[in-house]
Amino acid sequence: MLVQRQSRWPVKSIFARLSRRFEQRVWGGQDAARPPWSRRGLRLVRTVLVLARDLAFGQLNLRAMSLRATRRCCRSCRCSR
């Protein structure tokens, strides 16, 4: 029978706590209470995170193609130019 050895440093729990704290700082909180420079920086961080997530999971290309497929050249035409 194998006995699991417990680590002195619970790496997974530390990573989970840091991840939760980061997400709470970026996505949670009151944006209106922040100074303008902080709101701009936070908006930049959020934009980079969303862009990186979409690129990593292939969603950016999918969204771009769906936008292209739903546009029409005029109201009476049914083509997708």
PDB file of N, CA and C in Angstrom:
ATOM      1  N   MET A   1       0.843  -1.163   0.000  1.00  0.00           N
ATOM      2  CA  MET A   1       0.000   0.000   0.000  1.00  0.00           C
ATOM      3  C   MET A   1       0.900   1.241   0.000  1.00  0.00           C
ATOM      4  N   LEU A   2       0.596   2.186  -0.891  1.00  0.00           N
ATOM      5  CA  LEU A   2       1.379   3.413  -0.990  1.00  0.00           C
ATOM      6  C   LEU A   2       0.857   4.455  -0.006  1.00  0.00           C
ATOM      7  N   VAL A   3       1.757   5.086   0.662  1.00  0.00           N
ATOM      8  CA  VAL A   3       1.397   6.144   1.597  1.00  0.00           C
ATOM      9  C   VAL A   3       1.769   7.473   0.952  1.00  0.00           C
ATOM     10  N   GLN A   4       0.806   8.362   0.843  1.00  0.00           N
ATOM     11  CA  GLN A   4       1.081   9.667   0.258  1.00  0.00           C
ATOM     12  C   GLN A   4       1.757  10.555   1.289  1.00  0.00           C
ATOM     13  N   ARG A   5       2.804  11.174   0.846  1.00  0.00           N
ATOM     14  CA  ARG A   5       3.539  12.074   1.721  1.00  0.00           C
ATOM     15  C   ARG A   5       2.986  13.470   1.551  1.00  0.00           C
ATOM     16  N   GLN A   6       2.621  14.106   2.636  1.00  0.00           N
ATOM     17  CA  GLN A   6       2.074  15.452   2.554  1.00  0.00           C
ATOM     18  C   GLN A   6       3.208  16.451   2.492  1.00  0.00           C
ATOM     19  N   SER A   7       3.044  17.420   1.631  1.00  0.00           N
ATOM     20  CA  SER A   7       4.043  18.457   1.458  1.00  0.00           C
ATOM     21  C   SER A   7       3.931  19.500   2.564  1.00  0.00           C
ATOM     22  N   ARG A   8       5.058  20.090   2.895  1.00  0.00           N
ATOM     23  CA  ARG A   8       5.024  21.158   3.893  1.00  0.00           C
ATOM     24  C   ARG A   8       4.384  22.416   3.327  1.00  0.00           C
ATOM     25  N   TRP A   9       4.511  22.598   2.026  1.00  0.00           N
ATOM     26  CA  TRP A   9       3.964  23.791   1.379  1.00  0.00           C
ATOM     27  C   TRP A   9       2.805  23.381   0.478  1.00  0.00           C
ATOM     28  N   PRO A  10       1.618  23.718   0.856  1.00  0.00           N
ATOM     29  CA  PRO A  10       0.458  23.363   0.013  1.00  0.00           C
ATOM     30  C   PRO A  10       0.379  24.277  -1.215  1.00  0.00           C
ATOM     31  N   VAL A  11       1.096  23.885  -2.250  1.00  0.00           N
ATOM     32  CA  VAL A  11       1.231  24.720  -3.449  1.00  0.00           C
ATOM     33  C   VAL A  11      -0.113  24.986  -4.108  1.00  0.00           C
ATOM     34  N   LYS A  12      -0.942  23.970  -4.199  1.00  0.00           N
ATOM     35  CA  LYS A  12      -2.237  24.149  -4.859  1.00  0.00           C
ATOM     36  C   LYS A  12      -3.108  25.155  -4.127  1.00  0.00           C
ATOM     37  N   SER A  13      -3.110  25.117  -2.813  1.00  0.00           N
ATOM     38  CA  SER A  13      -3.949  26.055  -2.070  1.00  0.00           C
ATOM     39  C   SER A  13      -3.397  27.474  -2.154  1.00  0.00           C
ATOM     40  N   ILE A  14      -2.068  27.607  -2.192  1.00  0.00           N
ATOM     41  CA  ILE A  14      -1.487  28.943  -2.349  1.00  0.00           C
ATOM     42  C   ILE A  14      -1.844  29.505  -3.718  1.00  0.00           C
ATOM     43  N   PHE A  15      -1.706  28.680  -4.761  1.00  0.00           N
ATOM     44  CA  PHE A  15      -2.055  29.129  -6.107  1.00  0.00           C
ATOM     45  C   PHE A  15      -3.534  29.486  -6.203  1.00  0.00           C
ATOM     46  N   ALA A  16      -4.392  28.693  -5.588  1.00  0.00           N
ATOM     47  CA  ALA A  16      -5.831  28.968  -5.622  1.00  0.00           C
ATOM     48  C   ALA A  16      -6.148  30.282  -4.914  1.00  0.00           C
ATOM     49  N   ARG A  17      -5.508  30.520  -3.770  1.00  0.00           N
ATOM     50  CA  ARG A  17      -5.744  31.783  -3.063  1.00  0.00           C
ATOM     51  C   ARG A  17      -5.267  32.980  -3.868  1.00  0.00           C
ATOM     52  N   LEU A  18      -4.078  32.875  -4.469  1.00  0.00           N
ATOM     53  CA  LEU A  18      -3.566  33.970  -5.290  1.00  0.00           C
ATOM     54  C   LEU A  18      -4.455  34.220  -6.505  1.00  0.00           C
ATOM     55  N   SER A  19      -4.928  33.144  -7.102  1.00  0.00           N
ATOM     56  CA  SER A  19      -5.805  33.273  -8.262  1.00  0.00           C
ATOM     57  C   SER A  19      -7.113  33.953  -7.891  1.00  0.00           C
ATOM     58  N   ARG A  20      -7.702  33.551  -6.767  1.00  0.00           N
ATOM     59  CA  ARG A  20      -8.951  34.191  -6.317  1.00  0.00           C
ATOM     60  C   ARG A  20      -8.739  35.660  -5.991  1.00  0.00           C
ATOM     61  N   ARG A  21      -7.624  35.962  -5.341  1.00  0.00           N
ATOM     62  CA  ARG A  21      -7.336  37.353  -4.986  1.00  0.00           C
ATOM     63  C   ARG A  21      -7.146  38.213  -6.239  1.00  0.00           C
ATOM     64  N   PHE A  22      -6.425  37.670  -7.227  1.00  0.00           N
ATOM     65  CA  PHE A  22      -6.209  38.399  -8.474  1.00  0.00           C
ATOM     66  C   PHE A  22      -7.530  38.653  -9.191  1.00  0.00           C
ATOM     67  N   GLU A  23      -8.361  37.615  -9.304  1.00  0.00           N
ATOM     68  CA  GLU A  23      -9.656  37.777  -9.964  1.00  0.00           C
ATOM     69  C   GLU A  23     -10.536  38.773  -9.233  1.00  0.00           C
ATOM     70  N   GLN A  24     -10.506  38.743  -7.924  1.00  0.00           N
ATOM     71  CA  GLN A  24     -11.333  39.674  -7.156  1.00  0.00           C
ATOM     72  C   GLN A  24     -10.854  41.112  -7.354  1.00  0.00           C
ATOM     73  N   ARG A  25      -9.544  41.303  -7.434  1.00  0.00           N
ATOM     74  CA  ARG A  25      -9.020  42.663  -7.635  1.00  0.00           C
ATOM     75  C   ARG A  25      -9.309  43.177  -9.035  1.00  0.00           C
ATOM     76  N   VAL A  26      -9.242  42.301 -10.020  1.00  0.00           N
ATOM     77  CA  VAL A  26      -9.446  42.745 -11.406  1.00  0.00           C
ATOM     78  C   VAL A  26     -10.926  42.879 -11.742  1.00  0.00           C
ATOM     79  N   TRP A  27     -11.743  41.905 -11.382  1.00  0.00           N
ATOM     80  CA  TRP A  27     -13.131  41.886 -11.822  1.00  0.00           C
ATOM     81  C   TRP A  27     -14.121  42.358 -10.768  1.00  0.00           C
ATOM     82  N   GLY A  28     -13.757  42.357  -9.507  1.00  0.00           N
ATOM     83  CA  GLY A  28     -14.675  42.767  -8.456  1.00  0.00           C
ATOM     84  C   GLY A  28     -14.402  44.190  -8.006  1.00  0.00           C
ATOM     85  N   GLY A  29     -15.234  44.681  -7.148  1.00  0.00           N
ATOM     86  CA  GLY A  29     -14.989  45.994  -6.565  1.00  0.00           C
ATOM     87  C   GLY A  29     -15.775  47.108  -7.237  1.00  0.00           C
ATOM     88  N   GLN A  30     -15.634  48.272  -6.662  1.00  0.00           N
ATOM     89  CA  GLN A  30     -16.329  49.460  -7.151  1.00  0.00           C
ATOM     90  C   GLN A  30     -15.390  50.257  -8.059  1.00  0.00           C
ATOM     91  N   ASP A  31     -15.681  50.282  -9.347  1.00  0.00           N
ATOM     92  CA  ASP A  31     -14.848  51.032 -10.282  1.00  0.00           C
ATOM     93  C   ASP A  31     -15.033  52.539 -10.134  1.00  0.00           C
ATOM     94  N   ALA A  32     -16.223  52.976  -9.795  1.00  0.00           N
ATOM     95  CA  ALA A  32     -16.497  54.407  -9.691  1.00  0.00           C
ATOM     96  C   ALA A  32     -15.732  55.045  -8.531  1.00  0.00           C
ATOM     97  N   ALA A  33     -15.390  54.270  -7.524  1.00  0.00           N
ATOM     98  CA  ALA A  33     -14.682  54.806  -6.369  1.00  0.00           C
ATOM     99  C   ALA A  33     -13.181  54.942  -6.622  1.00  0.00           C
ATOM    100  N   ARG A  34     -12.685  54.406  -7.706  1.00  0.00           N
ATOM    101  CA  ARG A  34     -11.251  54.469  -8.015  1.00  0.00           C
ATOM    102  C   ARG A  34     -10.905  55.793  -8.689  1.00  0.00           C
ATOM    103  N   PRO A  35      -9.659  56.232  -8.578  1.00  0.00           N
ATOM    104  CA  PRO A  35      -9.221  57.418  -9.320  1.00  0.00           C
ATOM    105  C   PRO A  35      -9.181  57.119 -10.820  1.00  0.00           C
ATOM    106  N   PRO A  36      -9.251  58.163 -11.655  1.00  0.00           N
ATOM    107  CA  PRO A  36      -9.303  57.937 -13.116  1.00  0.00           C
ATOM    108  C   PRO A  36      -8.112  57.149 -13.667  1.00  0.00           C
ATOM    109  N   TRP A  37      -6.907  57.402 -13.191  1.00  0.00           N
ATOM    110  CA  TRP A  37      -5.742  56.679 -13.706  1.00  0.00           C
ATOM    111  C   TRP A  37      -5.832  55.197 -13.373  1.00  0.00           C
ATOM    112  N   SER A  38      -6.401  54.878 -12.209  1.00  0.00           N
ATOM    113  CA  SER A  38      -6.549  53.487 -11.811  1.00  0.00           C
ATOM    114  C   SER A  38      -7.608  52.781 -12.668  1.00  0.00           C
ATOM    115  N   ARG A  39      -8.682  53.488 -12.974  1.00  0.00           N
ATOM    116  CA  ARG A  39      -9.725  52.895 -13.835  1.00  0.00           C
ATOM    117  C   ARG A  39      -9.178  52.593 -15.223  1.00  0.00           C
ATOM    118  N   ARG A  40      -8.354  53.515 -15.771  1.00  0.00           N
ATOM    119  CA  ARG A  40      -7.771  53.277 -17.096  1.00  0.00           C
ATOM    120  C   ARG A  40      -6.838  52.073 -17.080  1.00  0.00           C
ATOM    121  N   GLY A  41      -6.027  51.983 -16.039  1.00  0.00           N
ATOM    122  CA  GLY A  41      -5.122  50.838 -15.931  1.00  0.00           C
ATOM    123  C   GLY A  41      -5.871  49.528 -15.775  1.00  0.00           C
ATOM    124  N   LEU A  42      -6.927  49.549 -14.975  1.00  0.00           N
ATOM    125  CA  LEU A  42      -7.739  48.359 -14.770  1.00  0.00           C
ATOM    126  C   LEU A  42      -8.435  47.945 -16.064  1.00  0.00           C
ATOM    127  N   ARG A  43      -8.898  48.918 -16.817  1.00  0.00           N
ATOM    128  CA  ARG A  43      -9.540  48.623 -18.104  1.00  0.00           C
ATOM    129  C   ARG A  43      -8.544  47.983 -19.069  1.00  0.00           C
ATOM    130  N   LEU A  44      -7.305  48.476 -19.059  1.00  0.00           N
ATOM    131  CA  LEU A  44      -6.268  47.903 -19.915  1.00  0.00           C
ATOM    132  C   LEU A  44      -5.976  46.459 -19.510  1.00  0.00           C
ATOM    133  N   VAL A  45      -5.848  46.208 -18.220  1.00  0.00           N
ATOM    134  CA  VAL A  45      -5.587  44.844 -17.736  1.00  0.00           C
ATOM    135  C   VAL A  45      -6.741  43.917 -18.113  1.00  0.00           C
ATOM    136  N   ARG A  46      -7.966  44.381 -17.938  1.00  0.00           N
ATOM    137  CA  ARG A  46      -9.132  43.554 -18.296  1.00  0.00           C
ATOM    138  C   ARG A  46      -9.148  43.244 -19.783  1.00  0.00           C
ATOM    139  N   THR A  47      -8.844  44.250 -20.614  1.00  0.00           N
ATOM    140  CA  THR A  47      -8.841  44.050 -22.065  1.00  0.00           C
ATOM    141  C   THR A  47      -7.785  43.034 -22.473  1.00  0.00           C
ATOM    142  N   VAL A  48      -6.601  43.142 -21.905  1.00  0.00           N
ATOM    143  CA  VAL A  48      -5.528  42.195 -22.220  1.00  0.00           C
ATOM    144  C   VAL A  48      -5.912  40.784 -21.784  1.00  0.00           C
ATOM    145  N   LEU A  49      -6.505  40.648 -20.606  1.00  0.00           N
ATOM    146  CA  LEU A  49      -6.913  39.319 -20.123  1.00  0.00           C
ATOM    147  C   LEU A  49      -7.975  38.695 -21.017  1.00  0.00           C
ATOM    148  N   VAL A  50      -8.961  39.477 -21.418  1.00  0.00           N
ATOM    149  CA  VAL A  50     -10.027  38.946 -22.277  1.00  0.00           C
ATOM    150  C   VAL A  50      -9.470  38.583 -23.648  1.00  0.00           C
ATOM    151  N   LEU A  51      -8.601  39.426 -24.189  1.00  0.00           N
ATOM    152  CA  LEU A  51      -7.994  39.140 -25.483  1.00  0.00           C
ATOM    153  C   LEU A  51      -7.140  37.876 -25.431  1.00  0.00           C
ATOM    154  N   ALA A  52      -6.352  37.732 -24.389  1.00  0.00           N
ATOM    155  CA  ALA A  52      -5.511  36.536 -24.240  1.00  0.00           C
ATOM    156  C   ALA A  52      -6.371  35.286 -24.093  1.00  0.00           C
ATOM    157  N   ARG A  53      -7.456  35.382 -23.325  1.00  0.00           N
ATOM    158  CA  ARG A  53      -8.344  34.227 -23.151  1.00  0.00           C
ATOM    159  C   ARG A  53      -8.987  33.835 -24.481  1.00  0.00           C
ATOM    160  N   ASP A  54      -9.455  34.833 -25.224  1.00  0.00           N
ATOM    161  CA  ASP A  54     -10.097  34.533 -26.502  1.00  0.00           C
ATOM    162  C   ASP A  54      -9.113  33.958 -27.510  1.00  0.00           C
ATOM    163  N   LEU A  55      -7.899  34.462 -27.524  1.00  0.00           N
ATOM    164  CA  LEU A  55      -6.893  33.903 -28.434  1.00  0.00           C
ATOM    165  C   LEU A  55      -6.520  32.485 -28.031  1.00  0.00           C
ATOM    166  N   ALA A  56      -6.396  32.237 -26.737  1.00  0.00           N
ATOM    167  CA  ALA A  56      -5.998  30.915 -26.263  1.00  0.00           C
ATOM    168  C   ALA A  56      -7.044  29.852 -26.577  1.00  0.00           C
ATOM    169  N   PHE A  57      -8.313  30.206 -26.501  1.00  0.00           N
ATOM    170  CA  PHE A  57      -9.369  29.221 -26.725  1.00  0.00           C
ATOM    171  C   PHE A  57      -9.975  29.297 -28.125  1.00  0.00           C
ATOM    172  N   GLY A  58      -9.428  30.152 -28.998  1.00  0.00           N
ATOM    173  CA  GLY A  58      -9.893  30.238 -30.378  1.00  0.00           C
ATOM    174  C   GLY A  58     -11.217  30.966 -30.558  1.00  0.00           C
ATOM    175  N   GLN A  59     -11.659  31.678 -29.545  1.00  0.00           N
ATOM    176  CA  GLN A  59     -12.947  32.354 -29.631  1.00  0.00           C
ATOM    177  C   GLN A  59     -12.885  33.627 -30.471  1.00  0.00           C
ATOM    178  N   LEU A  60     -11.728  34.277 -30.527  1.00  0.00           N
ATOM    179  CA  LEU A  60     -11.613  35.537 -31.251  1.00  0.00           C
ATOM    180  C   LEU A  60     -11.882  35.337 -32.731  1.00  0.00           C
ATOM    181  N   ASN A  61     -11.288  34.315 -33.313  1.00  0.00           N
ATOM    182  CA  ASN A  61     -11.492  34.028 -34.721  1.00  0.00           C
ATOM    183  C   ASN A  61     -12.944  33.633 -34.985  1.00  0.00           C
ATOM    184  N   LEU A  62     -13.517  32.848 -34.084  1.00  0.00           N
ATOM    185  CA  LEU A  62     -14.901  32.425 -34.240  1.00  0.00           C
ATOM    186  C   LEU A  62     -15.851  33.622 -34.203  1.00  0.00           C
ATOM    187  N   ARG A  63     -15.632  34.552 -33.290  1.00  0.00           N
ATOM    188  CA  ARG A  63     -16.476  35.743 -33.196  1.00  0.00           C
ATOM    189  C   ARG A  63     -16.322  36.633 -34.414  1.00  0.00           C
ATOM    190  N   ALA A  64     -15.106  36.772 -34.916  1.00  0.00           N
ATOM    191  CA  ALA A  64     -14.881  37.586 -36.111  1.00  0.00           C
ATOM    192  C   ALA A  64     -15.593  36.981 -37.312  1.00  0.00           C
ATOM    193  N   MET A  65     -15.548  35.666 -37.447  1.00  0.00           N
ATOM    194  CA  MET A  65     -16.228  35.021 -38.575  1.00  0.00           C
ATOM    195  C   MET A  65     -17.743  35.142 -38.439  1.00  0.00           C
ATOM    196  N   SER A  66     -18.260  35.054 -37.224  1.00  0.00           N
ATOM    197  CA  SER A  66     -19.705  35.161 -37.068  1.00  0.00           C
ATOM    198  C   SER A  66     -20.180  36.581 -37.346  1.00  0.00           C
ATOM    199  N   LEU A  67     -19.377  37.581 -36.996  1.00  0.00           N
ATOM    200  CA  LEU A  67     -19.739  38.959 -37.335  1.00  0.00           C
ATOM    201  C   LEU A  67     -19.766  39.149 -38.841  1.00  0.00           C
ATOM    202  N   ARG A  68     -18.793  38.580 -39.530  1.00  0.00           N
ATOM    203  CA  ARG A  68     -18.718  38.701 -40.981  1.00  0.00           C
ATOM    204  C   ARG A  68     -19.898  37.995 -41.637  1.00  0.00           C
ATOM    205  N   ALA A  69     -20.291  36.869 -41.123  1.00  0.00           N
ATOM    206  CA  ALA A  69     -21.367  36.094 -41.738  1.00  0.00           C
ATOM    207  C   ALA A  69     -22.734  36.747 -41.525  1.00  0.00           C
ATOM    208  N   THR A  70     -22.895  37.554 -40.505  1.00  0.00           N
ATOM    209  CA  THR A  70     -24.206  38.141 -40.237  1.00  0.00           C
ATOM    210  C   THR A  70     -24.393  39.520 -40.853  1.00  0.00           C
ATOM    211  N   ARG A  71     -23.338  40.100 -41.408  1.00  0.00           N
ATOM    212  CA  ARG A  71     -23.460  41.437 -42.014  1.00  0.00           C
ATOM    213  C   ARG A  71     -23.990  41.332 -43.438  1.00  0.00           C
ATOM    214  N   ARG A  72     -24.823  42.264 -43.814  1.00  0.00           N
ATOM    215  CA  ARG A  72     -25.338  42.336 -45.177  1.00  0.00           C
ATOM    216  C   ARG A  72     -24.911  43.656 -45.796  1.00  0.00           C
ATOM    217  N   CYS A  73     -24.867  43.730 -47.116  1.00  0.00           N
ATOM    218  CA  CYS A  73     -24.439  44.963 -47.766  1.00  0.00           C
ATOM    219  C   CYS A  73     -25.553  46.015 -47.738  1.00  0.00           C
ATOM    220  N   CYS A  74     -26.808  45.586 -47.688  1.00  0.00           N
ATOM    221  CA  CYS A  74     -27.908  46.534 -47.575  1.00  0.00           C
ATOM    222  C   CYS A  74     -29.118  45.816 -46.969  1.00  0.00           C
ATOM    223  N   ARG A  75     -30.174  46.535 -46.674  1.00  0.00           N
ATOM    224  CA  ARG A  75     -31.330  45.914 -46.049  1.00  0.00           C
ATOM    225  C   ARG A  75     -32.115  44.996 -46.986  1.00  0.00           C
ATOM    226  N   SER A  76     -32.164  45.333 -48.275  1.00  0.00           N
ATOM    227  CA  SER A  76     -32.957  44.528 -49.197  1.00  0.00           C
ATOM    228  C   SER A  76     -32.197  43.317 -49.726  1.00  0.00           C
ATOM    229  N   CYS A  77     -30.891  43.340 -49.632  1.00  0.00           N
ATOM    230  CA  CYS A  77     -30.070  42.258 -50.174  1.00  0.00           C
ATOM    231  C   CYS A  77     -29.886  41.158 -49.125  1.00  0.00           C
ATOM    232  N   ARG A  78     -29.808  39.931 -49.559  1.00  0.00           N
ATOM    233  CA  ARG A  78     -29.578  38.828 -48.638  1.00  0.00           C
ATOM    234  C   ARG A  78     -28.168  38.254 -48.754  1.00  0.00           C
ATOM    235  N   CYS A  79     -27.327  38.890 -49.535  1.00  0.00           N
ATOM    236  CA  CYS A  79     -25.954  38.393 -49.664  1.00  0.00           C
ATOM    237  C   CYS A  79     -25.141  38.763 -48.417  1.00  0.00           C
ATOM    238  N   SER A  80     -23.982  38.179 -48.293  1.00  0.00           N
ATOM    239  CA  SER A  80     -23.161  38.483 -47.108  1.00  0.00           C
ATOM    240  C   SER A  80     -21.842  39.106 -47.545  1.00  0.00           C
ATOM    241  N   ARG A  81     -21.930  40.112 -48.390  1.00  0.00           N
ATOM    242  CA  ARG A  81     -20.722  40.821 -48.842  1.00  0.00           C
ATOM    243  C   ARG A  81     -20.206  41.699 -47.765  1.00  0.00           C
TER     244      ARG A  81
END
